[in-house]
Amino acid sequence: MAERVPMTKSGLLRLKEELKRLKAVERPKIVREIAEARAHGDLSENAEYHAAKEKQGHIEGRIAQVEHWIASAEVIDVTKHAGDRVVFGATVHLEDTDSGDEAKYRIVGELEADLKQGKISVTSPIARALIGRSEGDTVVVRTPGGQKEYEIQGIDFVEEELPPEVESDVGPGA
């Protein structure tokens, strides 16, 4: 049995949306490109054909990879979590004890992590330091720039809102 990959519902929906796009848009597009390149004649010296076949290989590889991730996903329903401890799926409000800067991070699966969106991987150093802690606790995180100390200001358990078209296009079953 493949190892299960923890993921939020919104993360799984995004993967399903990507798979749908790859199969419904990208795959037919590359098939058309290959057919057009074939129509140009001699395939042995046809750079367009070889480039299209290479692109097809990348798309098929990505489809297989996304299908594997979906099959091995273990969806954690964030809305069922409650309490005062930081766990997978929690959104944690932090304050840097030195600078007073505030930050908000959501702890998600490795495949969903996106620092620009405030999503950090459950395996990241800061997430590992936060897991199991409570509001008011102080945590020390070793970063490339040195040690940082944060105080946990709050913990939320809310599932990320997705655009209606993503939710409806992908369908239920997440």
C-alpha atoms as a PDB file:
ATOM      1  CA  MET A   1       0.000   0.000   0.000  1.00  0.00           C
ATOM      2  CA  ALA A   2       1.322   3.405  -0.925  1.00  0.00           C
ATOM      3  CA  GLU A   3       2.079   5.842   1.842  1.00  0.00           C
ATOM      4  CA  ARG A   4      -0.845   8.166   2.556  1.00  0.00           C
ATOM      5  CA  VAL A   5      -0.241  11.876   1.967  1.00  0.00           C
ATOM      6  CA  PRO A   6      -2.045  14.265   4.341  1.00  0.00           C
ATOM      7  CA  MET A   7      -3.969  16.945   2.479  1.00  0.00           C
ATOM      8  CA  THR A   8      -6.737  19.441   3.077  1.00  0.00           C
ATOM      9  CA  LYS A   9      -9.997  19.257   1.133  1.00  0.00           C
ATOM     10  CA  SER A  10      -9.068  22.397  -0.805  1.00  0.00           C
ATOM     11  CA  GLY A  11      -5.684  20.868  -1.703  1.00  0.00           C
ATOM     12  CA  LEU A  12      -7.367  17.751  -3.080  1.00  0.00           C
ATOM     13  CA  LEU A  13      -9.867  19.856  -5.034  1.00  0.00           C
ATOM     14  CA  ARG A  14      -7.005  21.803  -6.614  1.00  0.00           C
ATOM     15  CA  LEU A  15      -5.312  18.558  -7.676  1.00  0.00           C
ATOM     16  CA  LYS A  16      -8.563  17.275  -9.183  1.00  0.00           C
ATOM     17  CA  GLU A  17      -8.985  20.574 -11.040  1.00  0.00           C
ATOM     18  CA  GLU A  18      -5.426  20.308 -12.405  1.00  0.00           C
ATOM     19  CA  LEU A  19      -6.057  16.705 -13.516  1.00  0.00           C
ATOM     20  CA  LYS A  20      -9.281  17.744 -15.232  1.00  0.00           C
ATOM     21  CA  ARG A  21      -7.473  20.580 -17.056  1.00  0.00           C
ATOM     22  CA  LEU A  22      -4.605  18.299 -18.118  1.00  0.00           C
ATOM     23  CA  LYS A  23      -6.958  15.674 -19.523  1.00  0.00           C
ATOM     24  CA  ALA A  24      -9.594  17.969 -21.056  1.00  0.00           C
ATOM     25  CA  VAL A  25      -7.423  20.824 -22.347  1.00  0.00           C
ATOM     26  CA  GLU A  26      -3.699  20.037 -22.471  1.00  0.00           C
ATOM     27  CA  ARG A  27      -3.903  16.438 -23.746  1.00  0.00           C
ATOM     28  CA  PRO A  28      -6.220  17.232 -26.720  1.00  0.00           C
ATOM     29  CA  LYS A  29      -4.168  20.335 -27.532  1.00  0.00           C
ATOM     30  CA  ILE A  30      -0.923  18.339 -27.790  1.00  0.00           C
ATOM     31  CA  VAL A  31      -2.639  15.653 -29.894  1.00  0.00           C
ATOM     32  CA  ARG A  32      -3.650  18.398 -32.359  1.00  0.00           C
ATOM     33  CA  GLU A  33      -0.077  19.771 -32.369  1.00  0.00           C
ATOM     34  CA  ILE A  34       1.329  16.304 -33.127  1.00  0.00           C
ATOM     35  CA  ALA A  35      -1.185  15.778 -35.942  1.00  0.00           C
ATOM     36  CA  GLU A  36      -0.314  19.169 -37.438  1.00  0.00           C
ATOM     37  CA  ALA A  37       3.415  18.450 -37.230  1.00  0.00           C
ATOM     38  CA  ARG A  38       2.896  15.021 -38.851  1.00  0.00           C
ATOM     39  CA  ALA A  39       1.150  16.704 -41.747  1.00  0.00           C
ATOM     40  CA  HIS A  40       4.371  18.569 -42.533  1.00  0.00           C
ATOM     41  CA  GLY A  41       5.971  15.394 -43.841  1.00  0.00           C
ATOM     42  CA  ASP A  42       9.278  13.688 -42.995  1.00  0.00           C
ATOM     43  CA  LEU A  43       9.188  12.988 -39.234  1.00  0.00           C
ATOM     44  CA  SER A  44      12.923  12.243 -38.935  1.00  0.00           C
ATOM     45  CA  GLU A  45      13.823  15.904 -39.472  1.00  0.00           C
ATOM     46  CA  ASN A  46      10.634  17.477 -38.145  1.00  0.00           C
ATOM     47  CA  ALA A  47      11.578  19.560 -35.081  1.00  0.00           C
ATOM     48  CA  GLU A  48       7.940  20.526 -34.432  1.00  0.00           C
ATOM     49  CA  TYR A  49       6.957  16.860 -34.247  1.00  0.00           C
ATOM     50  CA  HIS A  50       9.774  15.948 -31.860  1.00  0.00           C
ATOM     51  CA  ALA A  51       9.039  18.956 -29.629  1.00  0.00           C
ATOM     52  CA  ALA A  52       5.338  18.062 -29.529  1.00  0.00           C
ATOM     53  CA  LYS A  53       6.091  14.423 -28.676  1.00  0.00           C
ATOM     54  CA  GLU A  54       8.409  15.549 -25.883  1.00  0.00           C
ATOM     55  CA  LYS A  55       5.708  17.886 -24.551  1.00  0.00           C
ATOM     56  CA  GLN A  56       3.223  15.000 -24.718  1.00  0.00           C
ATOM     57  CA  GLY A  57       5.581  12.922 -22.574  1.00  0.00           C
ATOM     58  CA  HIS A  58       5.739  15.693 -19.969  1.00  0.00           C
ATOM     59  CA  ILE A  59       1.947  16.065 -19.892  1.00  0.00           C
ATOM     60  CA  GLU A  60       1.380  12.301 -19.571  1.00  0.00           C
ATOM     61  CA  GLY A  61       3.989  12.175 -16.792  1.00  0.00           C
ATOM     62  CA  ARG A  62       2.263  14.990 -14.936  1.00  0.00           C
ATOM     63  CA  ILE A  63      -1.117  13.285 -15.322  1.00  0.00           C
ATOM     64  CA  ALA A  64       0.308  10.084 -13.825  1.00  0.00           C
ATOM     65  CA  GLN A  65       1.910  12.036 -10.977  1.00  0.00           C
ATOM     66  CA  VAL A  66      -1.299  13.950 -10.130  1.00  0.00           C
ATOM     67  CA  GLU A  67      -3.365  10.734 -10.317  1.00  0.00           C
ATOM     68  CA  HIS A  68      -0.931   9.101  -7.883  1.00  0.00           C
ATOM     69  CA  TRP A  69      -1.181  12.042  -5.462  1.00  0.00           C
ATOM     70  CA  ILE A  70      -4.982  11.938  -5.597  1.00  0.00           C
ATOM     71  CA  ALA A  71      -5.026   8.174  -5.026  1.00  0.00           C
ATOM     72  CA  SER A  72      -2.702   8.435  -2.026  1.00  0.00           C
ATOM     73  CA  ALA A  73      -4.341  11.525  -0.512  1.00  0.00           C
ATOM     74  CA  GLU A  74      -5.577  11.303   3.046  1.00  0.00           C
ATOM     75  CA  VAL A  75      -7.997  14.197   3.335  1.00  0.00           C
ATOM     76  CA  ILE A  76      -8.036  15.828   6.746  1.00  0.00           C
ATOM     77  CA  ASP A  77     -11.299  17.674   7.408  1.00  0.00           C
ATOM     78  CA  VAL A  78     -10.053  20.842   9.067  1.00  0.00           C
ATOM     79  CA  THR A  79     -13.553  21.875  10.104  1.00  0.00           C
ATOM     80  CA  LYS A  80     -13.794  18.848  12.416  1.00  0.00           C
ATOM     81  CA  HIS A  81     -10.790  20.057  14.423  1.00  0.00           C
ATOM     82  CA  ALA A  82     -11.282  22.185  17.454  1.00  0.00           C
ATOM     83  CA  GLY A  83      -9.454  22.901  20.624  1.00  0.00           C
ATOM     84  CA  ASP A  84      -6.480  24.883  21.665  1.00  0.00           C
ATOM     85  CA  ARG A  85      -3.648  22.853  20.130  1.00  0.00           C
ATOM     86  CA  VAL A  86      -1.959  23.399  16.771  1.00  0.00           C
ATOM     87  CA  VAL A  87      -2.574  20.457  14.425  1.00  0.00           C
ATOM     88  CA  PHE A  88      -2.528  19.779  10.685  1.00  0.00           C
ATOM     89  CA  GLY A  89      -4.826  22.208   8.865  1.00  0.00           C
ATOM     90  CA  ALA A  90      -4.775  24.847  11.591  1.00  0.00           C
ATOM     91  CA  THR A  91      -4.226  28.490  10.774  1.00  0.00           C
ATOM     92  CA  VAL A  92      -1.829  29.896  13.343  1.00  0.00           C
ATOM     93  CA  HIS A  93      -1.487  33.593  14.162  1.00  0.00           C
ATOM     94  CA  LEU A  94       2.037  34.422  15.357  1.00  0.00           C
ATOM     95  CA  GLU A  95       3.930  37.406  16.673  1.00  0.00           C
ATOM     96  CA  ASP A  96       7.713  37.697  16.370  1.00  0.00           C
ATOM     97  CA  THR A  97       8.779  38.373  19.959  1.00  0.00           C
ATOM     98  CA  ASP A  98      11.775  40.472  18.829  1.00  0.00           C
ATOM     99  CA  SER A  99      10.262  42.698  16.147  1.00  0.00           C
ATOM    100  CA  GLY A 100       6.567  42.513  17.005  1.00  0.00           C
ATOM    101  CA  ASP A 101       5.816  41.563  13.386  1.00  0.00           C
ATOM    102  CA  GLU A 102       2.729  39.442  12.965  1.00  0.00           C
ATOM    103  CA  ALA A 103       2.353  36.473  10.640  1.00  0.00           C
ATOM    104  CA  LYS A 104      -0.344  33.969   9.816  1.00  0.00           C
ATOM    105  CA  TYR A 105       0.422  30.466   8.526  1.00  0.00           C
ATOM    106  CA  ARG A 106      -1.799  27.571   7.605  1.00  0.00           C
ATOM    107  CA  ILE A 107      -0.254  24.140   8.124  1.00  0.00           C
ATOM    108  CA  VAL A 108      -0.928  21.995   5.052  1.00  0.00           C
ATOM    109  CA  GLY A 109       0.447  18.952   3.232  1.00  0.00           C
ATOM    110  CA  GLU A 110       3.736  19.134   1.375  1.00  0.00           C
ATOM    111  CA  LEU A 111       1.989  19.256  -2.020  1.00  0.00           C
ATOM    112  CA  GLU A 112      -0.070  22.297  -0.989  1.00  0.00           C
ATOM    113  CA  ALA A 113       2.658  24.415   0.596  1.00  0.00           C
ATOM    114  CA  ASP A 114       2.941  27.930  -0.824  1.00  0.00           C
ATOM    115  CA  LEU A 115       4.678  30.479   1.375  1.00  0.00           C
ATOM    116  CA  LYS A 116       3.351  33.419  -0.685  1.00  0.00           C
ATOM    117  CA  GLN A 117      -0.169  32.315   0.258  1.00  0.00           C
ATOM    118  CA  GLY A 118       0.807  31.706   3.888  1.00  0.00           C
ATOM    119  CA  LYS A 119       0.647  27.915   3.549  1.00  0.00           C
ATOM    120  CA  ILE A 120       3.509  26.003   5.118  1.00  0.00           C
ATOM    121  CA  SER A 121       4.260  22.306   4.867  1.00  0.00           C
ATOM    122  CA  VAL A 122       3.549  20.174   7.914  1.00  0.00           C
ATOM    123  CA  THR A 123       7.177  18.992   7.590  1.00  0.00           C
ATOM    124  CA  SER A 124       8.689  22.513   7.626  1.00  0.00           C
ATOM    125  CA  PRO A 125      10.743  23.563  10.665  1.00  0.00           C
ATOM    126  CA  ILE A 126       8.215  26.190  11.763  1.00  0.00           C
ATOM    127  CA  ALA A 127       5.257  23.792  11.452  1.00  0.00           C
ATOM    128  CA  ARG A 128       7.117  21.098  13.384  1.00  0.00           C
ATOM    129  CA  ALA A 129       7.824  23.637  16.114  1.00  0.00           C
ATOM    130  CA  LEU A 130       4.153  24.686  16.245  1.00  0.00           C
ATOM    131  CA  ILE A 131       2.443  21.267  16.187  1.00  0.00           C
ATOM    132  CA  GLY A 132       1.027  20.412  19.594  1.00  0.00           C
ATOM    133  CA  ARG A 133       1.486  23.907  21.001  1.00  0.00           C
ATOM    134  CA  SER A 134      -1.277  26.153  22.357  1.00  0.00           C
ATOM    135  CA  GLU A 135      -2.263  29.803  22.206  1.00  0.00           C
ATOM    136  CA  GLY A 136       0.103  31.841  24.381  1.00  0.00           C
ATOM    137  CA  ASP A 137       3.006  29.404  23.945  1.00  0.00           C
ATOM    138  CA  THR A 138       6.357  30.666  22.714  1.00  0.00           C
ATOM    139  CA  VAL A 139       8.241  28.624  20.127  1.00  0.00           C
ATOM    140  CA  VAL A 140      11.809  28.901  18.914  1.00  0.00           C
ATOM    141  CA  VAL A 141      12.426  28.120  15.244  1.00  0.00           C
ATOM    142  CA  ARG A 142      15.829  27.668  13.677  1.00  0.00           C
ATOM    143  CA  THR A 143      15.834  29.529  10.345  1.00  0.00           C
ATOM    144  CA  PRO A 144      18.588  30.143   7.784  1.00  0.00           C
ATOM    145  CA  GLY A 145      18.884  33.654   9.244  1.00  0.00           C
ATOM    146  CA  GLY A 146      19.267  32.364  12.792  1.00  0.00           C
ATOM    147  CA  GLN A 147      16.839  31.528  15.554  1.00  0.00           C
ATOM    148  CA  LYS A 148      13.456  33.229  15.655  1.00  0.00           C
ATOM    149  CA  GLU A 149      11.074  33.288  18.578  1.00  0.00           C
ATOM    150  CA  TYR A 150       7.323  33.490  18.059  1.00  0.00           C
ATOM    151  CA  GLU A 151       4.370  33.692  20.398  1.00  0.00           C
ATOM    152  CA  ILE A 152       1.175  31.940  19.288  1.00  0.00           C
ATOM    153  CA  GLN A 153      -1.558  34.599  19.275  1.00  0.00           C
ATOM    154  CA  GLY A 154      -4.400  32.426  18.013  1.00  0.00           C
ATOM    155  CA  ILE A 155      -5.417  29.195  16.287  1.00  0.00           C
ATOM    156  CA  ASP A 156      -8.255  28.827  13.742  1.00  0.00           C
ATOM    157  CA  PHE A 157      -9.729  25.717  12.123  1.00  0.00           C
ATOM    158  CA  VAL A 158     -11.441  26.977   8.981  1.00  0.00           C
ATOM    159  CA  GLU A 159     -11.342  25.312   5.563  1.00  0.00           C
ATOM    160  CA  GLU A 160     -10.099  27.551   2.787  1.00  0.00           C
ATOM    161  CA  GLU A 161     -12.824  29.016   0.586  1.00  0.00           C
ATOM    162  CA  LEU A 162     -12.572  27.975  -3.049  1.00  0.00           C
ATOM    163  CA  PRO A 163     -14.131  29.742  -6.009  1.00  0.00           C
ATOM    164  CA  PRO A 164     -17.551  28.148  -6.748  1.00  0.00           C
ATOM    165  CA  GLU A 165     -16.422  27.057 -10.212  1.00  0.00           C
ATOM    166  CA  VAL A 166     -13.599  24.951  -8.729  1.00  0.00           C
ATOM    167  CA  GLU A 167     -15.902  23.299  -6.206  1.00  0.00           C
ATOM    168  CA  SER A 168     -18.630  22.598  -8.784  1.00  0.00           C
ATOM    169  CA  ASP A 169     -16.298  21.636 -11.655  1.00  0.00           C
ATOM    170  CA  VAL A 170     -14.456  19.070  -9.589  1.00  0.00           C
ATOM    171  CA  GLY A 171     -17.560  17.771  -7.890  1.00  0.00           C
ATOM    172  CA  PRO A 172     -18.151  16.075  -4.571  1.00  0.00           C
ATOM    173  CA  GLY A 173     -16.163  13.227  -3.142  1.00  0.00           C
ATOM    174  CA  ALA A 174     -13.204  15.100  -1.785  1.00  0.00           C
END
